[in-house]
Structures are given as structure tokens and as C-alpha cells.
Amino acid sequence: MAQEGMLVTLEEMKDYLGESSGYNDQLITDMIYAAQEELWRATGKDFREIAENETAKGVVRMTVWLSFYADREDAKNTEHIERRRSRLITQLQYGGDAENGGEAP
């Protein structure tokens, strides 16, 4: 069941993060909303209105992952994820979706 106004559901995000407890549910939910807001500000587009934009969902997942794990000392390979996330945001700014060929209209 999709949560109201969420591009990525709490359950999807917890699965992506490998979180099984309910202890961090509110924190993760807040991070999802913050990631969506950041994506909207970067692109000027509200991707919640585009049901199947996997690139936008990927950016939200990466943003939450970076917020949830990257500040920890043992986090690995965050630079690669940050670069990939930046490339995807740029792609979305110009109308491309990696899952649909990545071409701007």
C-alpha cells in the first residue's frame, strides 16, 4: 500500500536500507519526504505525479541511504553514490529517465 505523497514507500525504503525493525520508521519517513523535497528543488518537478519514474525513485533511495548511513565512519563508497546521484539529478533536470532510454523530449 502506497503512503500518501511518497515517491518511495516506507516499506520499499526499509528494504533498500536493510532495516527490519520499526524503530527508525519515523526517521526514515522524514528522510523520504526531505529527499523528495530536495529532488523537487533541484529539478523543479514533482515526481510524485509521475507514477513510474524509476530514476527519480533511485535518487530518493540514494539520498536517504546517504543520510542514513554515509555519516557513519564505516560507510564505504559514498563518493561513487554521490556522483551517480548527481548525474541522475542532472538527467532528470533535462527530462531524461534512465529506465526509459534517458533521452530528453
PDB file of N, CA and C in Angstrom:
ATOM      1  N   MET A   1       0.842  -1.183   0.000  1.00  0.00           N
ATOM      2  CA  MET A   1       0.000   0.000   0.000  1.00  0.00           C
ATOM      3  C   MET A   1       0.888   1.247   0.000  1.00  0.00           C
ATOM      4  N   ALA A   2       0.676   2.139  -0.951  1.00  0.00           N
ATOM      5  CA  ALA A   2       1.476   3.355  -1.055  1.00  0.00           C
ATOM      6  C   ALA A   2       1.064   4.358   0.013  1.00  0.00           C
ATOM      7  N   GLN A   3       2.057   5.010   0.570  1.00  0.00           N
ATOM      8  CA  GLN A   3       1.778   6.042   1.550  1.00  0.00           C
ATOM      9  C   GLN A   3       1.542   7.358   0.828  1.00  0.00           C
ATOM     10  N   GLU A   4       0.653   8.146   1.380  1.00  0.00           N
ATOM     11  CA  GLU A   4       0.247   9.412   0.767  1.00  0.00           C
ATOM     12  C   GLU A   4       1.446  10.335   0.539  1.00  0.00           C
ATOM     13  N   GLY A   5       1.613  10.757  -0.704  1.00  0.00           N
ATOM     14  CA  GLY A   5       2.632  11.733  -1.038  1.00  0.00           C
ATOM     15  C   GLY A   5       4.061  11.216  -1.062  1.00  0.00           C
ATOM     16  N   MET A   6       4.232   9.897  -1.061  1.00  0.00           N
ATOM     17  CA  MET A   6       5.588   9.351  -1.046  1.00  0.00           C
ATOM     18  C   MET A   6       5.923   8.706  -2.392  1.00  0.00           C
ATOM     19  N   LEU A   7       7.020   9.122  -2.949  1.00  0.00           N
ATOM     20  CA  LEU A   7       7.508   8.529  -4.196  1.00  0.00           C
ATOM     21  C   LEU A   7       8.020   7.114  -3.949  1.00  0.00           C
ATOM     22  N   VAL A   8       8.664   6.921  -2.809  1.00  0.00           N
ATOM     23  CA  VAL A   8       9.157   5.615  -2.377  1.00  0.00           C
ATOM     24  C   VAL A   8       8.474   5.325  -1.039  1.00  0.00           C
ATOM     25  N   THR A   9       7.850   4.169  -0.916  1.00  0.00           N
ATOM     26  CA  THR A   9       7.150   3.848   0.327  1.00  0.00           C
ATOM     27  C   THR A   9       8.140   3.523   1.449  1.00  0.00           C
ATOM     28  N   LEU A  10       7.651   3.601   2.654  1.00  0.00           N
ATOM     29  CA  LEU A  10       8.466   3.252   3.808  1.00  0.00           C
ATOM     30  C   LEU A  10       8.966   1.817   3.695  1.00  0.00           C
ATOM     31  N   GLU A  11       8.102   0.905   3.292  1.00  0.00           N
ATOM     32  CA  GLU A  11       8.493  -0.499   3.167  1.00  0.00           C
ATOM     33  C   GLU A  11       9.590  -0.688   2.124  1.00  0.00           C
ATOM     34  N   GLU A  12       9.450  -0.012   0.975  1.00  0.00           N
ATOM     35  CA  GLU A  12      10.482  -0.095  -0.064  1.00  0.00           C
ATOM     36  C   GLU A  12      11.813   0.447   0.448  1.00  0.00           C
ATOM     37  N   MET A  13      11.743   1.563   1.168  1.00  0.00           N
ATOM     38  CA  MET A  13      12.963   2.183   1.665  1.00  0.00           C
ATOM     39  C   MET A  13      13.621   1.333   2.727  1.00  0.00           C
ATOM     40  N   LYS A  14      12.835   0.758   3.627  1.00  0.00           N
ATOM     41  CA  LYS A  14      13.400  -0.111   4.660  1.00  0.00           C
ATOM     42  C   LYS A  14      14.066  -1.323   4.024  1.00  0.00           C
ATOM     43  N   ASP A  15      13.464  -1.868   2.994  1.00  0.00           N
ATOM     44  CA  ASP A  15      14.061  -2.997   2.283  1.00  0.00           C
ATOM     45  C   ASP A  15      15.395  -2.578   1.653  1.00  0.00           C
ATOM     46  N   TYR A  16      15.427  -1.422   1.032  1.00  0.00           N
ATOM     47  CA  TYR A  16      16.639  -0.897   0.407  1.00  0.00           C
ATOM     48  C   TYR A  16      17.743  -0.687   1.439  1.00  0.00           C
ATOM     49  N   LEU A  17      17.361  -0.196   2.615  1.00  0.00           N
ATOM     50  CA  LEU A  17      18.331   0.068   3.684  1.00  0.00           C
ATOM     51  C   LEU A  17      18.719  -1.181   4.466  1.00  0.00           C
ATOM     52  N   GLY A  18      17.933  -2.245   4.332  1.00  0.00           N
ATOM     53  CA  GLY A  18      18.173  -3.447   5.113  1.00  0.00           C
ATOM     54  C   GLY A  18      17.700  -3.302   6.554  1.00  0.00           C
ATOM     55  N   GLU A  19      16.716  -2.468   6.769  1.00  0.00           N
ATOM     56  CA  GLU A  19      16.154  -2.232   8.100  1.00  0.00           C
ATOM     57  C   GLU A  19      14.922  -3.099   8.284  1.00  0.00           C
ATOM     58  N   SER A  20      14.865  -3.826   9.357  1.00  0.00           N
ATOM     59  CA  SER A  20      13.707  -4.686   9.586  1.00  0.00           C
ATOM     60  C   SER A  20      12.874  -4.258  10.788  1.00  0.00           C
ATOM     61  N   SER A  21      13.464  -3.511  11.693  1.00  0.00           N
ATOM     62  CA  SER A  21      12.715  -3.096  12.878  1.00  0.00           C
ATOM     63  C   SER A  21      11.860  -1.875  12.556  1.00  0.00           C
ATOM     64  N   GLY A  22      10.961  -1.555  13.424  1.00  0.00           N
ATOM     65  CA  GLY A  22      10.140  -0.364  13.271  1.00  0.00           C
ATOM     66  C   GLY A  22      10.697   0.823  14.028  1.00  0.00           C
ATOM     67  N   TYR A  23      11.860   0.632  14.647  1.00  0.00           N
ATOM     68  CA  TYR A  23      12.450   1.650  15.495  1.00  0.00           C
ATOM     69  C   TYR A  23      12.716   2.968  14.757  1.00  0.00           C
ATOM     70  N   ASN A  24      13.163   2.898  13.524  1.00  0.00           N
ATOM     71  CA  ASN A  24      13.531   4.098  12.753  1.00  0.00           C
ATOM     72  C   ASN A  24      12.483   4.518  11.728  1.00  0.00           C
ATOM     73  N   ASP A  25      11.275   3.977  11.811  1.00  0.00           N
ATOM     74  CA  ASP A  25      10.256   4.265  10.800  1.00  0.00           C
ATOM     75  C   ASP A  25       9.992   5.757  10.608  1.00  0.00           C
ATOM     76  N   GLN A  26       9.826   6.495  11.694  1.00  0.00           N
ATOM     77  CA  GLN A  26       9.538   7.929  11.559  1.00  0.00           C
ATOM     78  C   GLN A  26      10.724   8.673  10.963  1.00  0.00           C
ATOM     79  N   LEU A  27      11.929   8.324  11.386  1.00  0.00           N
ATOM     80  CA  LEU A  27      13.132   8.946  10.844  1.00  0.00           C
ATOM     81  C   LEU A  27      13.238   8.687   9.340  1.00  0.00           C
ATOM     82  N   ILE A  28      13.029   7.442   8.931  1.00  0.00           N
ATOM     83  CA  ILE A  28      13.123   7.090   7.512  1.00  0.00           C
ATOM     84  C   ILE A  28      12.035   7.802   6.711  1.00  0.00           C
ATOM     85  N   THR A  29      10.825   7.859   7.253  1.00  0.00           N
ATOM     86  CA  THR A  29       9.734   8.563   6.577  1.00  0.00           C
ATOM     87  C   THR A  29      10.094  10.034   6.385  1.00  0.00           C
ATOM     88  N   ASP A  30      10.606  10.663   7.415  1.00  0.00           N
ATOM     89  CA  ASP A  30      11.022  12.064   7.324  1.00  0.00           C
ATOM     90  C   ASP A  30      12.121  12.245   6.278  1.00  0.00           C
ATOM     91  N   MET A  31      13.041  11.297   6.217  1.00  0.00           N
ATOM     92  CA  MET A  31      14.116  11.368   5.231  1.00  0.00           C
ATOM     93  C   MET A  31      13.587  11.233   3.800  1.00  0.00           C
ATOM     94  N   ILE A  32      12.579  10.389   3.616  1.00  0.00           N
ATOM     95  CA  ILE A  32      11.974  10.237   2.287  1.00  0.00           C
ATOM     96  C   ILE A  32      11.375  11.561   1.840  1.00  0.00           C
ATOM     97  N   TYR A  33      10.595  12.195   2.721  1.00  0.00           N
ATOM     98  CA  TYR A  33       9.991  13.487   2.383  1.00  0.00           C
ATOM     99  C   TYR A  33      11.063  14.542   2.106  1.00  0.00           C
ATOM    100  N   ALA A  34      12.125  14.553   2.897  1.00  0.00           N
ATOM    101  CA  ALA A  34      13.207  15.518   2.695  1.00  0.00           C
ATOM    102  C   ALA A  34      13.918  15.269   1.362  1.00  0.00           C
ATOM    103  N   ALA A  35      14.124  14.007   1.016  1.00  0.00           N
ATOM    104  CA  ALA A  35      14.777  13.661  -0.255  1.00  0.00           C
ATOM    105  C   ALA A  35      13.911  14.073  -1.435  1.00  0.00           C
ATOM    106  N   GLN A  36      12.610  13.869  -1.316  1.00  0.00           N
ATOM    107  CA  GLN A  36      11.692  14.289  -2.381  1.00  0.00           C
ATOM    108  C   GLN A  36      11.710  15.802  -2.544  1.00  0.00           C
ATOM    109  N   GLU A  37      11.732  16.515  -1.433  1.00  0.00           N
ATOM    110  CA  GLU A  37      11.796  17.980  -1.470  1.00  0.00           C
ATOM    111  C   GLU A  37      13.092  18.444  -2.132  1.00  0.00           C
ATOM    112  N   GLU A  38      14.197  17.804  -1.781  1.00  0.00           N
ATOM    113  CA  GLU A  38      15.482  18.143  -2.385  1.00  0.00           C
ATOM    114  C   GLU A  38      15.453  17.900  -3.891  1.00  0.00           C
ATOM    115  N   LEU A  39      14.872  16.781  -4.307  1.00  0.00           N
ATOM    116  CA  LEU A  39      14.761  16.467  -5.735  1.00  0.00           C
ATOM    117  C   LEU A  39      13.880  17.492  -6.441  1.00  0.00           C
ATOM    118  N   TRP A  40      12.777  17.859  -5.824  1.00  0.00           N
ATOM    119  CA  TRP A  40      11.882  18.861  -6.412  1.00  0.00           C
ATOM    120  C   TRP A  40      12.613  20.189  -6.579  1.00  0.00           C
ATOM    121  N   ARG A  41      13.352  20.599  -5.546  1.00  0.00           N
ATOM    122  CA  ARG A  41      14.079  21.870  -5.624  1.00  0.00           C
ATOM    123  C   ARG A  41      15.167  21.831  -6.709  1.00  0.00           C
ATOM    124  N   ALA A  42      15.811  20.688  -6.871  1.00  0.00           N
ATOM    125  CA  ALA A  42      16.888  20.562  -7.854  1.00  0.00           C
ATOM    126  C   ALA A  42      16.368  20.539  -9.288  1.00  0.00           C
ATOM    127  N   THR A  43      15.170  19.979  -9.480  1.00  0.00           N
ATOM    128  CA  THR A  43      14.660  19.793 -10.844  1.00  0.00           C
ATOM    129  C   THR A  43      13.470  20.684 -11.188  1.00  0.00           C
ATOM    130  N   GLY A  44      12.781  21.168 -10.176  1.00  0.00           N
ATOM    131  CA  GLY A  44      11.552  21.930 -10.418  1.00  0.00           C
ATOM    132  C   GLY A  44      10.385  21.049 -10.807  1.00  0.00           C
ATOM    133  N   LYS A  45      10.528  19.735 -10.596  1.00  0.00           N
ATOM    134  CA  LYS A  45       9.485  18.777 -10.996  1.00  0.00           C
ATOM    135  C   LYS A  45       9.026  17.971  -9.783  1.00  0.00           C
ATOM    136  N   ASP A  46       7.715  17.740  -9.729  1.00  0.00           N
ATOM    137  CA  ASP A  46       7.144  16.917  -8.666  1.00  0.00           C
ATOM    138  C   ASP A  46       6.954  15.509  -9.226  1.00  0.00           C
ATOM    139  N   PHE A  47       7.894  14.634  -8.922  1.00  0.00           N
ATOM    140  CA  PHE A  47       7.879  13.295  -9.496  1.00  0.00           C
ATOM    141  C   PHE A  47       6.835  12.380  -8.868  1.00  0.00           C
ATOM    142  N   ARG A  48       6.166  12.820  -7.813  1.00  0.00           N
ATOM    143  CA  ARG A  48       5.080  12.015  -7.256  1.00  0.00           C
ATOM    144  C   ARG A  48       3.936  11.897  -8.253  1.00  0.00           C
ATOM    145  N   GLU A  49       3.852  12.853  -9.171  1.00  0.00           N
ATOM    146  CA  GLU A  49       2.798  12.846 -10.182  1.00  0.00           C
ATOM    147  C   GLU A  49       3.137  11.926 -11.347  1.00  0.00           C
ATOM    148  N   ILE A  50       4.359  11.447 -11.395  1.00  0.00           N
ATOM    149  CA  ILE A  50       4.811  10.534 -12.448  1.00  0.00           C
ATOM    150  C   ILE A  50       5.016   9.184 -11.787  1.00  0.00           C
ATOM    151  N   ALA A  51       4.049   8.310 -11.931  1.00  0.00           N
ATOM    152  CA  ALA A  51       3.991   7.078 -11.136  1.00  0.00           C
ATOM    153  C   ALA A  51       5.197   6.164 -11.317  1.00  0.00           C
ATOM    154  N   GLU A  52       5.724   6.040 -12.486  1.00  0.00           N
ATOM    155  CA  GLU A  52       6.754   5.030 -12.729  1.00  0.00           C
ATOM    156  C   GLU A  52       8.091   5.626 -13.135  1.00  0.00           C
ATOM    157  N   ASN A  53       8.527   6.673 -12.500  1.00  0.00           N
ATOM    158  CA  ASN A  53       9.824   7.235 -12.825  1.00  0.00           C
ATOM    159  C   ASN A  53      10.875   6.604 -11.912  1.00  0.00           C
ATOM    160  N   GLU A  54      11.473   5.537 -12.384  1.00  0.00           N
ATOM    161  CA  GLU A  54      12.438   4.788 -11.584  1.00  0.00           C
ATOM    162  C   GLU A  54      13.701   5.593 -11.305  1.00  0.00           C
ATOM    163  N   THR A  55      14.063   6.499 -12.192  1.00  0.00           N
ATOM    164  CA  THR A  55      15.239   7.324 -11.952  1.00  0.00           C
ATOM    165  C   THR A  55      15.006   8.222 -10.744  1.00  0.00           C
ATOM    166  N   ALA A  56      13.855   8.856 -10.667  1.00  0.00           N
ATOM    167  CA  ALA A  56      13.528   9.713  -9.527  1.00  0.00           C
ATOM    168  C   ALA A  56      13.478   8.894  -8.236  1.00  0.00           C
ATOM    169  N   LYS A  57      12.895   7.714  -8.305  1.00  0.00           N
ATOM    170  CA  LYS A  57      12.850   6.843  -7.124  1.00  0.00           C
ATOM    171  C   LYS A  57      14.266   6.468  -6.691  1.00  0.00           C
ATOM    172  N   GLY A  58      15.136   6.201  -7.653  1.00  0.00           N
ATOM    173  CA  GLY A  58      16.520   5.865  -7.344  1.00  0.00           C
ATOM    174  C   GLY A  58      17.239   7.013  -6.653  1.00  0.00           C
ATOM    175  N   VAL A  59      16.980   8.236  -7.100  1.00  0.00           N
ATOM    176  CA  VAL A  59      17.592   9.402  -6.462  1.00  0.00           C
ATOM    177  C   VAL A  59      17.114   9.515  -5.022  1.00  0.00           C
ATOM    178  N   VAL A  60      15.828   9.314  -4.785  1.00  0.00           N
ATOM    179  CA  VAL A  60      15.294   9.376  -3.424  1.00  0.00           C
ATOM    180  C   VAL A  60      15.937   8.296  -2.566  1.00  0.00           C
ATOM    181  N   ARG A  61      16.025   7.071  -3.086  1.00  0.00           N
ATOM    182  CA  ARG A  61      16.640   5.987  -2.315  1.00  0.00           C
ATOM    183  C   ARG A  61      18.098   6.300  -1.980  1.00  0.00           C
ATOM    184  N   MET A  62      18.853   6.794  -2.960  1.00  0.00           N
ATOM    185  CA  MET A  62      20.259   7.119  -2.718  1.00  0.00           C
ATOM    186  C   MET A  62      20.398   8.247  -1.699  1.00  0.00           C
ATOM    187  N   THR A  63      19.543   9.250  -1.797  1.00  0.00           N
ATOM    188  CA  THR A  63      19.598  10.377  -0.869  1.00  0.00           C
ATOM    189  C   THR A  63      19.327   9.923   0.554  1.00  0.00           C
ATOM    190  N   VAL A  64      18.314   9.080   0.726  1.00  0.00           N
ATOM    191  CA  VAL A  64      18.012   8.576   2.064  1.00  0.00           C
ATOM    192  C   VAL A  64      19.151   7.692   2.557  1.00  0.00           C
ATOM    193  N   TRP A  65      19.680   6.829   1.710  1.00  0.00           N
ATOM    194  CA  TRP A  65      20.789   5.970   2.111  1.00  0.00           C
ATOM    195  C   TRP A  65      21.966   6.819   2.586  1.00  0.00           C
ATOM    196  N   LEU A  66      22.300   7.856   1.809  1.00  0.00           N
ATOM    197  CA  LEU A  66      23.412   8.719   2.202  1.00  0.00           C
ATOM    198  C   LEU A  66      23.141   9.400   3.536  1.00  0.00           C
ATOM    199  N   SER A  67      21.915   9.839   3.745  1.00  0.00           N
ATOM    200  CA  SER A  67      21.556  10.483   5.015  1.00  0.00           C
ATOM    201  C   SER A  67      21.578   9.494   6.166  1.00  0.00           C
ATOM    202  N   PHE A  68      21.158   8.278   5.912  1.00  0.00           N
ATOM    203  CA  PHE A  68      21.018   7.267   6.962  1.00  0.00           C
ATOM    204  C   PHE A  68      22.348   6.625   7.331  1.00  0.00           C
ATOM    205  N   TYR A  69      23.203   6.390   6.325  1.00  0.00           N
ATOM    206  CA  TYR A  69      24.441   5.642   6.551  1.00  0.00           C
ATOM    207  C   TYR A  69      25.738   6.414   6.328  1.00  0.00           C
ATOM    208  N   ALA A  70      25.768   7.373   5.431  1.00  0.00           N
ATOM    209  CA  ALA A  70      27.041   7.959   4.998  1.00  0.00           C
ATOM    210  C   ALA A  70      27.787   8.684   6.102  1.00  0.00           C
ATOM    211  N   ASP A  71      27.092   9.175   7.101  1.00  0.00           N
ATOM    212  CA  ASP A  71      27.776   9.877   8.187  1.00  0.00           C
ATOM    213  C   ASP A  71      28.490   8.934   9.143  1.00  0.00           C
ATOM    214  N   ARG A  72      28.231   7.661   9.015  1.00  0.00           N
ATOM    215  CA  ARG A  72      28.881   6.679   9.882  1.00  0.00           C
ATOM    216  C   ARG A  72      30.309   6.445   9.405  1.00  0.00           C
ATOM    217  N   GLU A  73      31.184   6.221  10.316  1.00  0.00           N
ATOM    218  CA  GLU A  73      32.601   6.076   9.988  1.00  0.00           C
ATOM    219  C   GLU A  73      32.887   4.888   9.074  1.00  0.00           C
ATOM    220  N   ASP A  74      32.094   3.845   9.163  1.00  0.00           N
ATOM    221  CA  ASP A  74      32.380   2.645   8.374  1.00  0.00           C
ATOM    222  C   ASP A  74      31.709   2.636   7.005  1.00  0.00           C
ATOM    223  N   ALA A  75      31.067   3.742   6.618  1.00  0.00           N
ATOM    224  CA  ALA A  75      30.408   3.810   5.309  1.00  0.00           C
ATOM    225  C   ALA A  75      31.468   3.765   4.207  1.00  0.00           C
ATOM    226  N   LYS A  76      31.220   2.954   3.207  1.00  0.00           N
ATOM    227  CA  LYS A  76      32.154   2.784   2.108  1.00  0.00           C
ATOM    228  C   LYS A  76      31.534   3.284   0.798  1.00  0.00           C
ATOM    229  N   ASN A  77      32.384   3.749  -0.095  1.00  0.00           N
ATOM    230  CA  ASN A  77      31.998   4.062  -1.457  1.00  0.00           C
ATOM    231  C   ASN A  77      30.928   5.148  -1.566  1.00  0.00           C
ATOM    232  N   THR A  78      30.899   6.073  -0.640  1.00  0.00           N
ATOM    233  CA  THR A  78      29.876   7.120  -0.713  1.00  0.00           C
ATOM    234  C   THR A  78      30.140   8.102  -1.844  1.00  0.00           C
ATOM    235  N   GLU A  79      31.393   8.320  -2.205  1.00  0.00           N
ATOM    236  CA  GLU A  79      31.695   9.241  -3.304  1.00  0.00           C
ATOM    237  C   GLU A  79      31.095   8.750  -4.614  1.00  0.00           C
ATOM    238  N   HIS A  80      31.194   7.449  -4.853  1.00  0.00           N
ATOM    239  CA  HIS A  80      30.606   6.875  -6.063  1.00  0.00           C
ATOM    240  C   HIS A  80      29.092   7.086  -6.071  1.00  0.00           C
ATOM    241  N   ILE A  81      28.446   6.864  -4.955  1.00  0.00           N
ATOM    242  CA  ILE A  81      26.993   7.026  -4.864  1.00  0.00           C
ATOM    243  C   ILE A  81      26.616   8.494  -5.033  1.00  0.00           C
ATOM    244  N   GLU A  82      27.371   9.391  -4.432  1.00  0.00           N
ATOM    245  CA  GLU A  82      27.082  10.817  -4.573  1.00  0.00           C
ATOM    246  C   GLU A  82      27.233  11.277  -6.022  1.00  0.00           C
ATOM    247  N   ARG A  83      28.260  10.794  -6.720  1.00  0.00           N
ATOM    248  CA  ARG A  83      28.438  11.149  -8.142  1.00  0.00           C
ATOM    249  C   ARG A  83      27.310  10.595  -8.989  1.00  0.00           C
ATOM    250  N   ARG A  84      26.941   9.352  -8.749  1.00  0.00           N
ATOM    251  CA  ARG A  84      25.831   8.732  -9.506  1.00  0.00           C
ATOM    252  C   ARG A  84      24.541   9.495  -9.268  1.00  0.00           C
ATOM    253  N   ARG A  85      24.277   9.838  -8.016  1.00  0.00           N
ATOM    254  CA  ARG A  85      23.074  10.593  -7.657  1.00  0.00           C
ATOM    255  C   ARG A  85      23.057  11.948  -8.383  1.00  0.00           C
ATOM    256  N   SER A  86      24.187  12.625  -8.423  1.00  0.00           N
ATOM    257  CA  SER A  86      24.275  13.923  -9.109  1.00  0.00           C
ATOM    258  C   SER A  86      24.013  13.787 -10.598  1.00  0.00           C
ATOM    259  N   ARG A  87      24.547  12.726 -11.204  1.00  0.00           N
ATOM    260  CA  ARG A  87      24.309  12.500 -12.635  1.00  0.00           C
ATOM    261  C   ARG A  87      22.822  12.240 -12.912  1.00  0.00           C
ATOM    262  N   LEU A  88      22.187  11.467 -12.036  1.00  0.00           N
ATOM    263  CA  LEU A  88      20.763  11.180 -12.221  1.00  0.00           C
ATOM    264  C   LEU A  88      19.916  12.435 -12.050  1.00  0.00           C
ATOM    265  N   ILE A  89      20.264  13.276 -11.099  1.00  0.00           N
ATOM    266  CA  ILE A  89      19.528  14.528 -10.919  1.00  0.00           C
ATOM    267  C   ILE A  89      19.669  15.398 -12.160  1.00  0.00           C
ATOM    268  N   THR A  90      20.873  15.496 -12.692  1.00  0.00           N
ATOM    269  CA  THR A  90      21.083  16.271 -13.914  1.00  0.00           C
ATOM    270  C   THR A  90      20.247  15.706 -15.050  1.00  0.00           C
ATOM    271  N   GLN A  91      20.215  14.408 -15.167  1.00  0.00           N
ATOM    272  CA  GLN A  91      19.416  13.754 -16.202  1.00  0.00           C
ATOM    273  C   GLN A  91      17.941  14.106 -16.038  1.00  0.00           C
ATOM    274  N   LEU A  92      17.449  14.087 -14.815  1.00  0.00           N
ATOM    275  CA  LEU A  92      16.048  14.416 -14.562  1.00  0.00           C
ATOM    276  C   LEU A  92      15.763  15.896 -14.814  1.00  0.00           C
ATOM    277  N   GLN A  93      16.743  16.755 -14.579  1.00  0.00           N
ATOM    278  CA  GLN A  93      16.558  18.179 -14.853  1.00  0.00           C
ATOM    279  C   GLN A  93      16.281  18.423 -16.329  1.00  0.00           C
ATOM    280  N   TYR A  94      16.864  17.591 -17.170  1.00  0.00           N
ATOM    281  CA  TYR A  94      16.707  17.756 -18.606  1.00  0.00           C
ATOM    282  C   TYR A  94      15.651  16.830 -19.207  1.00  0.00           C
ATOM    283  N   GLY A  95      14.873  16.198 -18.352  1.00  0.00           N
ATOM    284  CA  GLY A  95      13.725  15.417 -18.825  1.00  0.00           C
ATOM    285  C   GLY A  95      14.007  13.966 -19.107  1.00  0.00           C
ATOM    286  N   GLY A  96      15.198  13.485 -18.895  1.00  0.00           N
ATOM    287  CA  GLY A  96      15.525  12.094 -19.168  1.00  0.00           C
ATOM    288  C   GLY A  96      15.203  11.180 -18.013  1.00  0.00           C
ATOM    289  N   ASP A  97      14.929   9.935 -18.330  1.00  0.00           N
ATOM    290  CA  ASP A  97      14.712   8.894 -17.332  1.00  0.00           C
ATOM    291  C   ASP A  97      15.536   7.708 -17.772  1.00  0.00           C
ATOM    292  N   ALA A  98      16.506   7.334 -16.967  1.00  0.00           N
ATOM    293  CA  ALA A  98      17.420   6.237 -17.322  1.00  0.00           C
ATOM    294  C   ALA A  98      16.674   4.962 -17.673  1.00  0.00           C
ATOM    295  N   GLU A  99      15.554   4.712 -17.033  1.00  0.00           N
ATOM    296  CA  GLU A  99      14.786   3.495 -17.289  1.00  0.00           C
ATOM    297  C   GLU A  99      14.056   3.545 -18.627  1.00  0.00           C
ATOM    298  N   ASN A 100      13.900   4.746 -19.178  1.00  0.00           N
ATOM    299  CA  ASN A 100      13.188   4.892 -20.446  1.00  0.00           C
ATOM    300  C   ASN A 100      14.104   5.429 -21.524  1.00  0.00           C
ATOM    301  N   GLY A 101      15.349   5.031 -21.485  1.00  0.00           N
ATOM    302  CA  GLY A 101      16.286   5.421 -22.514  1.00  0.00           C
ATOM    303  C   GLY A 101      17.090   6.676 -22.196  1.00  0.00           C
ATOM    304  N   GLY A 102      16.690   7.406 -21.179  1.00  0.00           N
ATOM    305  CA  GLY A 102      17.447   8.562 -20.753  1.00  0.00           C
ATOM    306  C   GLY A 102      17.444   9.731 -21.702  1.00  0.00           C
ATOM    307  N   GLU A 103      16.552   9.744 -22.654  1.00  0.00           N
ATOM    308  CA  GLU A 103      16.515  10.811 -23.637  1.00  0.00           C
ATOM    309  C   GLU A 103      15.578  11.927 -23.217  1.00  0.00           C
ATOM    310  N   ALA A 104      16.028  13.135 -23.398  1.00  0.00           N
ATOM    311  CA  ALA A 104      15.170  14.288 -23.151  1.00  0.00           C
ATOM    312  C   ALA A 104      14.184  14.407 -24.306  1.00  0.00           C
ATOM    313  N   PRO A 105      12.963  14.880 -24.033  1.00  0.00           N
ATOM    314  CA  PRO A 105      11.981  15.011 -25.113  1.00  0.00           C
ATOM    315  C   PRO A 105      12.383  16.059 -26.118  1.00  0.00           C
TER     316      PRO A 105
END
